[in-house]
PDB file of N, CA and C in Angstrom:
ATOM      1  N   MET A   1       0.763  -1.199  -0.083  1.00  0.00           N
ATOM      2  CA  MET A   1      -0.022  -0.083  -0.115  1.00  0.00           C
ATOM      3  C   MET A   1       0.761   1.327   0.030  1.00  0.00           C
ATOM      4  N   LEU A   2       1.793   1.225   0.816  1.00  0.00           N
ATOM      5  CA  LEU A   2       2.768   2.361   0.922  1.00  0.00           C
ATOM      6  C   LEU A   2       3.503   2.629  -0.598  1.00  0.00           C
ATOM      7  N   ILE A   3       3.945   1.573  -1.264  1.00  0.00           N
ATOM      8  CA  ILE A   3       4.579   1.711  -2.503  1.00  0.00           C
ATOM      9  C   ILE A   3       3.481   2.323  -3.506  1.00  0.00           C
ATOM     10  N   GLN A   4       2.171   2.216  -3.296  1.00  0.00           N
ATOM     11  CA  GLN A   4       1.237   2.746  -4.195  1.00  0.00           C
ATOM     12  C   GLN A   4       1.197   4.297  -3.931  1.00  0.00           C
ATOM     13  N   HIS A   5       1.272   4.793  -2.797  1.00  0.00           N
ATOM     14  CA  HIS A   5       1.415   6.006  -2.318  1.00  0.00           C
ATOM     15  C   HIS A   5       2.569   6.759  -2.804  1.00  0.00           C
ATOM     16  N   ILE A   6       3.763   5.981  -2.734  1.00  0.00           N
ATOM     17  CA  ILE A   6       4.913   6.584  -3.273  1.00  0.00           C
ATOM     18  C   ILE A   6       4.916   6.748  -4.875  1.00  0.00           C
ATOM     19  N   MET A   7       4.388   5.712  -5.449  1.00  0.00           N
ATOM     20  CA  MET A   7       4.116   5.912  -7.002  1.00  0.00           C
ATOM     21  C   MET A   7       3.283   7.096  -7.344  1.00  0.00           C
ATOM     22  N   GLN A   8       2.162   7.262  -6.642  1.00  0.00           N
ATOM     23  CA  GLN A   8       1.339   8.376  -6.908  1.00  0.00           C
ATOM     24  C   GLN A   8       2.173   9.554  -6.864  1.00  0.00           C
ATOM     25  N   GLU A   9       2.853   9.826  -5.630  1.00  0.00           N
ATOM     26  CA  GLU A   9       3.785  11.004  -5.410  1.00  0.00           C
ATOM     27  C   GLU A   9       4.712  11.210  -6.618  1.00  0.00           C
ATOM     28  N   LEU A  10       5.323  10.066  -7.064  1.00  0.00           N
ATOM     29  CA  LEU A  10       6.134  10.292  -8.138  1.00  0.00           C
ATOM     30  C   LEU A  10       5.680  10.586  -9.410  1.00  0.00           C
ATOM     31  N   GLN A  11       4.381  10.094  -9.896  1.00  0.00           N
ATOM     32  CA  GLN A  11       3.756  10.467 -10.909  1.00  0.00           C
ATOM     33  C   GLN A  11       3.205  11.918 -10.989  1.00  0.00           C
ATOM     34  N   ALA A  12       3.208  12.473  -9.772  1.00  0.00           N
ATOM     35  CA  ALA A  12       2.687  13.925  -9.797  1.00  0.00           C
ATOM     36  C   ALA A  12       3.978  14.883  -9.931  1.00  0.00           C
ATOM     37  N   LEU A  13       5.178  14.272 -10.016  1.00  0.00           N
ATOM     38  CA  LEU A  13       6.235  15.274 -10.117  1.00  0.00           C
ATOM     39  C   LEU A  13       6.486  15.560 -11.520  1.00  0.00           C
ATOM     40  N   PRO A  14       7.168  16.781 -11.674  1.00  0.00           N
ATOM     41  CA  PRO A  14       7.538  17.176 -13.004  1.00  0.00           C
ATOM     42  C   PRO A  14       8.640  16.187 -13.575  1.00  0.00           C
ATOM     43  N   GLU A  15       8.674  16.013 -14.827  1.00  0.00           N
ATOM     44  CA  GLU A  15       9.614  15.233 -15.404  1.00  0.00           C
ATOM     45  C   GLU A  15      11.128  15.415 -15.225  1.00  0.00           C
ATOM     46  N   GLU A  16      11.287  16.741 -15.243  1.00  0.00           N
ATOM     47  CA  GLU A  16      12.795  17.222 -15.142  1.00  0.00           C
ATOM     48  C   GLU A  16      13.257  17.031 -13.769  1.00  0.00           C
ATOM     49  N   LYS A  17      12.521  16.778 -12.808  1.00  0.00           N
ATOM     50  CA  LYS A  17      12.910  16.477 -11.435  1.00  0.00           C
ATOM     51  C   LYS A  17      12.990  14.989 -11.049  1.00  0.00           C
ATOM     52  N   LEU A  18      12.743  13.994 -11.909  1.00  0.00           N
ATOM     53  CA  LEU A  18      12.707  12.593 -11.603  1.00  0.00           C
ATOM     54  C   LEU A  18      14.127  12.131 -11.475  1.00  0.00           C
ATOM     55  N   ALA A  19      14.954  12.616 -12.223  1.00  0.00           N
ATOM     56  CA  ALA A  19      16.477  12.323 -12.176  1.00  0.00           C
ATOM     57  C   ALA A  19      17.005  12.587 -10.659  1.00  0.00           C
ATOM     58  N   GLU A  20      16.698  13.695 -10.145  1.00  0.00           N
ATOM     59  CA  GLU A  20      16.930  14.065  -8.600  1.00  0.00           C
ATOM     60  C   GLU A  20      16.490  12.940  -7.870  1.00  0.00           C
ATOM     61  N   ILE A  21      15.145  12.617  -7.869  1.00  0.00           N
ATOM     62  CA  ILE A  21      14.555  11.726  -7.052  1.00  0.00           C
ATOM     63  C   ILE A  21      15.082  10.352  -7.357  1.00  0.00           C
ATOM     64  N   TYR A  22      15.510   9.943  -8.556  1.00  0.00           N
ATOM     65  CA  TYR A  22      16.041   8.609  -8.734  1.00  0.00           C
ATOM     66  C   TYR A  22      17.483   8.606  -7.906  1.00  0.00           C
ATOM     67  N   ASP A  23      18.380   9.692  -8.110  1.00  0.00           N
ATOM     68  CA  ASP A  23      19.644   9.647  -7.320  1.00  0.00           C
ATOM     69  C   ASP A  23      19.468   9.585  -5.762  1.00  0.00           C
ATOM     70  N   LEU A  24      18.289  10.138  -5.370  1.00  0.00           N
ATOM     71  CA  LEU A  24      17.994  10.201  -3.983  1.00  0.00           C
ATOM     72  C   LEU A  24      17.888   8.657  -3.434  1.00  0.00           C
ATOM     73  N   ILE A  25      16.811   8.039  -4.170  1.00  0.00           N
ATOM     74  CA  ILE A  25      16.612   6.674  -3.885  1.00  0.00           C
ATOM     75  C   ILE A  25      17.715   5.711  -4.045  1.00  0.00           C
ATOM     76  N   HIS A  26      18.398   5.759  -5.198  1.00  0.00           N
ATOM     77  CA  HIS A  26      19.364   5.037  -5.538  1.00  0.00           C
ATOM     78  C   HIS A  26      20.430   4.977  -4.455  1.00  0.00           C
ATOM     79  N   TYR A  27      21.046   6.286  -4.009  1.00  0.00           N
ATOM     80  CA  TYR A  27      22.035   6.365  -3.004  1.00  0.00           C
ATOM     81  C   TYR A  27      21.626   6.131  -1.637  1.00  0.00           C
ATOM     82  N   PHE A  28      20.436   6.134  -1.297  1.00  0.00           N
ATOM     83  CA  PHE A  28      19.748   5.794  -0.074  1.00  0.00           C
ATOM     84  C   PHE A  28      19.831   4.356  -0.080  1.00  0.00           C
ATOM     85  N   ARG A  29      19.528   3.636  -1.082  1.00  0.00           N
ATOM     86  CA  ARG A  29      19.410   2.145  -1.073  1.00  0.00           C
ATOM     87  C   ARG A  29      20.894   1.678  -0.973  1.00  0.00           C
ATOM     88  N   LEU A  30      21.742   2.231  -1.536  1.00  0.00           N
ATOM     89  CA  LEU A  30      23.262   1.858  -1.503  1.00  0.00           C
ATOM     90  C   LEU A  30      23.793   2.007  -0.185  1.00  0.00           C
ATOM     91  N   GLY A  31      23.195   3.077   0.450  1.00  0.00           N
ATOM     92  CA  GLY A  31      23.851   3.228   1.826  1.00  0.00           C
ATOM     93  C   GLY A  31      23.162   2.090   2.779  1.00  0.00           C
ATOM     94  N   LEU A  32      21.838   1.830   2.467  1.00  0.00           N
ATOM     95  CA  LEU A  32      21.360   0.776   3.273  1.00  0.00           C
ATOM     96  C   LEU A  32      22.123  -0.632   3.100  1.00  0.00           C
ATOM     97  N   ASN A  33      22.521  -0.903   1.850  1.00  0.00           N
ATOM     98  CA  ASN A  33      23.302  -2.050   1.549  1.00  0.00           C
ATOM     99  C   ASN A  33      24.567  -2.119   2.201  1.00  0.00           C
ATOM    100  N   GLN A  34      25.124  -0.987   2.382  1.00  0.00           N
ATOM    101  CA  GLN A  34      26.594  -0.891   3.103  1.00  0.00           C
ATOM    102  C   GLN A  34      26.345  -1.118   4.570  1.00  0.00           C
ATOM    103  N   GLU A  35      25.255  -0.554   5.235  1.00  0.00           N
ATOM    104  CA  GLU A  35      25.059  -0.694   6.515  1.00  0.00           C
ATOM    105  C   GLU A  35      24.912  -2.296   6.829  1.00  0.00           C
ATOM    106  N   THR A  36      24.054  -3.078   6.074  1.00  0.00           N
ATOM    107  CA  THR A  36      23.851  -4.347   6.341  1.00  0.00           C
ATOM    108  C   THR A  36      24.950  -5.365   6.118  1.00  0.00           C
ATOM    109  N   ASN A  37      25.844  -4.769   5.139  1.00  0.00           N
ATOM    110  CA  ASN A  37      27.142  -5.833   4.659  1.00  0.00           C
ATOM    111  C   ASN A  37      28.322  -5.338   5.495  1.00  0.00           C
ATOM    112  N   ARG A  38      28.234  -4.325   6.214  1.00  0.00           N
ATOM    113  CA  ARG A  38      29.505  -3.910   6.994  1.00  0.00           C
ATOM    114  C   ARG A  38      29.615  -4.552   8.238  1.00  0.00           C
ATOM    115  N   ALA A  39      30.815  -5.107   8.479  1.00  0.00           N
ATOM    116  CA  ALA A  39      31.180  -5.829   9.788  1.00  0.00           C
ATOM    117  C   ALA A  39      31.276  -4.653  10.750  1.00  0.00           C
ATOM    118  N   PRO A  40      30.940  -4.935  12.037  1.00  0.00           N
ATOM    119  CA  PRO A  40      30.963  -3.862  13.005  1.00  0.00           C
ATOM    120  C   PRO A  40      32.432  -3.348  13.212  1.00  0.00           C
ATOM    121  N   SER A  41      32.575  -2.126  13.270  1.00  0.00           N
ATOM    122  CA  SER A  41      33.808  -1.327  13.366  1.00  0.00           C
ATOM    123  C   SER A  41      34.047  -0.795  14.648  1.00  0.00           C
ATOM    124  N   SER A  42      35.348  -0.524  15.037  1.00  0.00           N
ATOM    125  CA  SER A  42      35.596   0.017  16.217  1.00  0.00           C
ATOM    126  C   SER A  42      34.804   1.118  16.736  1.00  0.00           C
ATOM    127  N   SER A  43      34.345   1.875  15.729  1.00  0.00           N
ATOM    128  CA  SER A  43      33.381   3.119  16.138  1.00  0.00           C
ATOM    129  C   SER A  43      32.132   2.855  16.635  1.00  0.00           C
ATOM    130  N   THR A  44      31.625   1.560  16.430  1.00  0.00           N
ATOM    131  CA  THR A  44      30.290   1.118  16.775  1.00  0.00           C
ATOM    132  C   THR A  44      30.471   0.398  18.060  1.00  0.00           C
ATOM    133  N   GLU A  45      31.660  -0.020  18.511  1.00  0.00           N
ATOM    134  CA  GLU A  45      31.974  -0.755  19.764  1.00  0.00           C
ATOM    135  C   GLU A  45      31.721   0.171  21.032  1.00  0.00           C
ATOM    136  N   LEU A  46      31.404  -0.033  22.111  1.00  0.00           N
ATOM    137  CA  LEU A  46      31.503   0.852  23.302  1.00  0.00           C
ATOM    138  C   LEU A  46      32.893   1.223  23.658  1.00  0.00           C
ATOM    139  N   ARG A  47      33.051   2.423  24.092  1.00  0.00           N
ATOM    140  CA  ARG A  47      34.187   2.986  24.420  1.00  0.00           C
ATOM    141  C   ARG A  47      34.444   2.786  25.752  1.00  0.00           C
ATOM    142  N   THR A  48      35.671   2.592  26.310  1.00  0.00           N
ATOM    143  CA  THR A  48      35.997   2.345  27.630  1.00  0.00           C
ATOM    144  C   THR A  48      36.705   3.718  28.114  1.00  0.00           C
ATOM    145  N   PRO A  49      36.014   4.500  28.985  1.00  0.00           N
ATOM    146  CA  PRO A  49      36.447   5.655  29.467  1.00  0.00           C
ATOM    147  C   PRO A  49      37.703   5.405  30.367  1.00  0.00           C
ATOM    148  N   GLY A  50      38.753   6.346  30.362  1.00  0.00           N
ATOM    149  CA  GLY A  50      39.788   6.116  31.328  1.00  0.00           C
ATOM    150  C   GLY A  50      41.007   5.246  30.574  1.00  0.00           C
ATOM    151  N   LEU A  51      40.945   4.912  29.496  1.00  0.00           N
ATOM    152  CA  LEU A  51      41.782   4.172  28.617  1.00  0.00           C
ATOM    153  C   LEU A  51      43.313   4.763  28.859  1.00  0.00           C
ATOM    154  N   LEU A  52      43.359   6.073  28.529  1.00  0.00           N
ATOM    155  CA  LEU A  52      44.559   6.900  28.548  1.00  0.00           C
ATOM    156  C   LEU A  52      44.331   7.956  29.746  1.00  0.00           C
ATOM    157  N   SER A  53      45.337   7.801  30.662  1.00  0.00           N
ATOM    158  CA  SER A  53      45.263   8.701  31.693  1.00  0.00           C
ATOM    159  C   SER A  53      45.822  10.180  31.432  1.00  0.00           C
ATOM    160  N   GLY A  54      45.357  11.082  32.137  1.00  0.00           N
ATOM    161  CA  GLY A  54      45.911  12.340  31.989  1.00  0.00           C
ATOM    162  C   GLY A  54      44.797  13.334  32.272  1.00  0.00           C
ATOM    163  N   LYS A  55      45.244  14.659  32.092  1.00  0.00           N
ATOM    164  CA  LYS A  55      44.323  15.942  32.249  1.00  0.00           C
ATOM    165  C   LYS A  55      44.370  16.841  31.017  1.00  0.00           C
ATOM    166  N   LEU A  56      43.405  17.256  30.702  1.00  0.00           N
ATOM    167  CA  LEU A  56      43.391  18.371  29.577  1.00  0.00           C
ATOM    168  C   LEU A  56      43.189  19.636  30.083  1.00  0.00           C
ATOM    169  N   SER A  57      43.811  20.776  29.679  1.00  0.00           N
ATOM    170  CA  SER A  57      43.714  22.059  30.029  1.00  0.00           C
ATOM    171  C   SER A  57      42.473  22.656  29.250  1.00  0.00           C
ATOM    172  N   ASP A  58      42.030  23.717  29.744  1.00  0.00           N
ATOM    173  CA  ASP A  58      40.766  24.429  29.005  1.00  0.00           C
ATOM    174  C   ASP A  58      41.189  24.847  27.665  1.00  0.00           C
ATOM    175  N   ALA A  59      42.422  25.140  27.175  1.00  0.00           N
ATOM    176  CA  ALA A  59      42.849  25.257  25.989  1.00  0.00           C
ATOM    177  C   ALA A  59      42.457  24.072  24.919  1.00  0.00           C
ATOM    178  N   PHE A  60      42.363  23.018  25.350  1.00  0.00           N
ATOM    179  CA  PHE A  60      42.010  21.979  24.535  1.00  0.00           C
ATOM    180  C   PHE A  60      40.731  22.028  23.765  1.00  0.00           C
ATOM    181  N   PHE A  61      39.872  22.906  24.414  1.00  0.00           N
ATOM    182  CA  PHE A  61      38.593  22.987  23.946  1.00  0.00           C
ATOM    183  C   PHE A  61      38.367  24.299  23.122  1.00  0.00           C
ATOM    184  N   ASN A  62      39.450  25.172  23.056  1.00  0.00           N
ATOM    185  CA  ASN A  62      39.298  26.210  22.285  1.00  0.00           C
ATOM    186  C   ASN A  62      39.142  25.798  20.713  1.00  0.00           C
ATOM    187  N   PRO A  63      38.560  26.720  19.881  1.00  0.00           N
ATOM    188  CA  PRO A  63      38.366  26.436  18.600  1.00  0.00           C
ATOM    189  C   PRO A  63      39.814  26.396  17.903  1.00  0.00           C
ATOM    190  N   LEU A  64      39.985  25.603  16.834  1.00  0.00           N
ATOM    191  CA  LEU A  64      41.135  25.508  16.092  1.00  0.00           C
ATOM    192  C   LEU A  64      41.125  26.787  15.186  1.00  0.00           C
ATOM    193  N   THR A  65      42.282  27.240  14.874  1.00  0.00           N
ATOM    194  CA  THR A  65      42.590  28.409  13.902  1.00  0.00           C
ATOM    195  C   THR A  65      42.267  27.803  12.466  1.00  0.00           C
ATOM    196  N   GLU A  66      42.048  28.625  11.638  1.00  0.00           N
ATOM    197  CA  GLU A  66      41.710  28.270  10.175  1.00  0.00           C
ATOM    198  C   GLU A  66      42.976  27.284   9.628  1.00  0.00           C
ATOM    199  N   GLU A  67      44.077  27.811   9.921  1.00  0.00           N
ATOM    200  CA  GLU A  67      45.334  27.104   9.479  1.00  0.00           C
ATOM    201  C   GLU A  67      45.318  25.769   9.990  1.00  0.00           C
ATOM    202  N   GLU A  68      44.924  25.543  11.198  1.00  0.00           N
ATOM    203  CA  GLU A  68      44.935  24.164  11.773  1.00  0.00           C
ATOM    204  C   GLU A  68      43.866  23.178  11.147  1.00  0.00           C
ATOM    205  N   LEU A  69      42.835  23.958  10.835  1.00  0.00           N
ATOM    206  CA  LEU A  69      41.509  23.327  10.288  1.00  0.00           C
ATOM    207  C   LEU A  69      41.993  22.821   8.965  1.00  0.00           C
ATOM    208  N   GLN A  70      42.651  23.660   7.972  1.00  0.00           N
ATOM    209  CA  GLN A  70      43.060  23.231   6.726  1.00  0.00           C
ATOM    210  C   GLN A  70      43.970  21.911   6.762  1.00  0.00           C
ATOM    211  N   GLN A  71      44.976  21.842   7.740  1.00  0.00           N
ATOM    212  CA  GLN A  71      45.619  20.721   7.952  1.00  0.00           C
ATOM    213  C   GLN A  71      44.972  19.342   8.131  1.00  0.00           C
ATOM    214  N   TRP A  72      43.682  19.252   8.550  1.00  0.00           N
ATOM    215  CA  TRP A  72      42.861  18.258   8.816  1.00  0.00           C
ATOM    216  C   TRP A  72      42.097  17.788   7.285  1.00  0.00           C
ATOM    217  N   GLU A  73      42.171  18.695   6.430  1.00  0.00           N
ATOM    218  CA  GLU A  73      41.358  18.460   5.253  1.00  0.00           C
ATOM    219  C   GLU A  73      42.297  17.566   4.224  1.00  0.00           C
TER     220      GLU A  73
END
């Protein structure tokens, strides 16, 4: 039933916009496939606080300069 509603919405779109909708659906589906085929990574595992000991000064939380940000790109 939902697919019929989606089809009705698609049919109401201007022809010149269909390529954009196709790209949206296509890349969304590819992203779903990646999520289901991907092995769990370290970023999805629970983090253990206190792994590294030490203290941070308040300067750690200061925004980076534009030059420093460029080095990360």
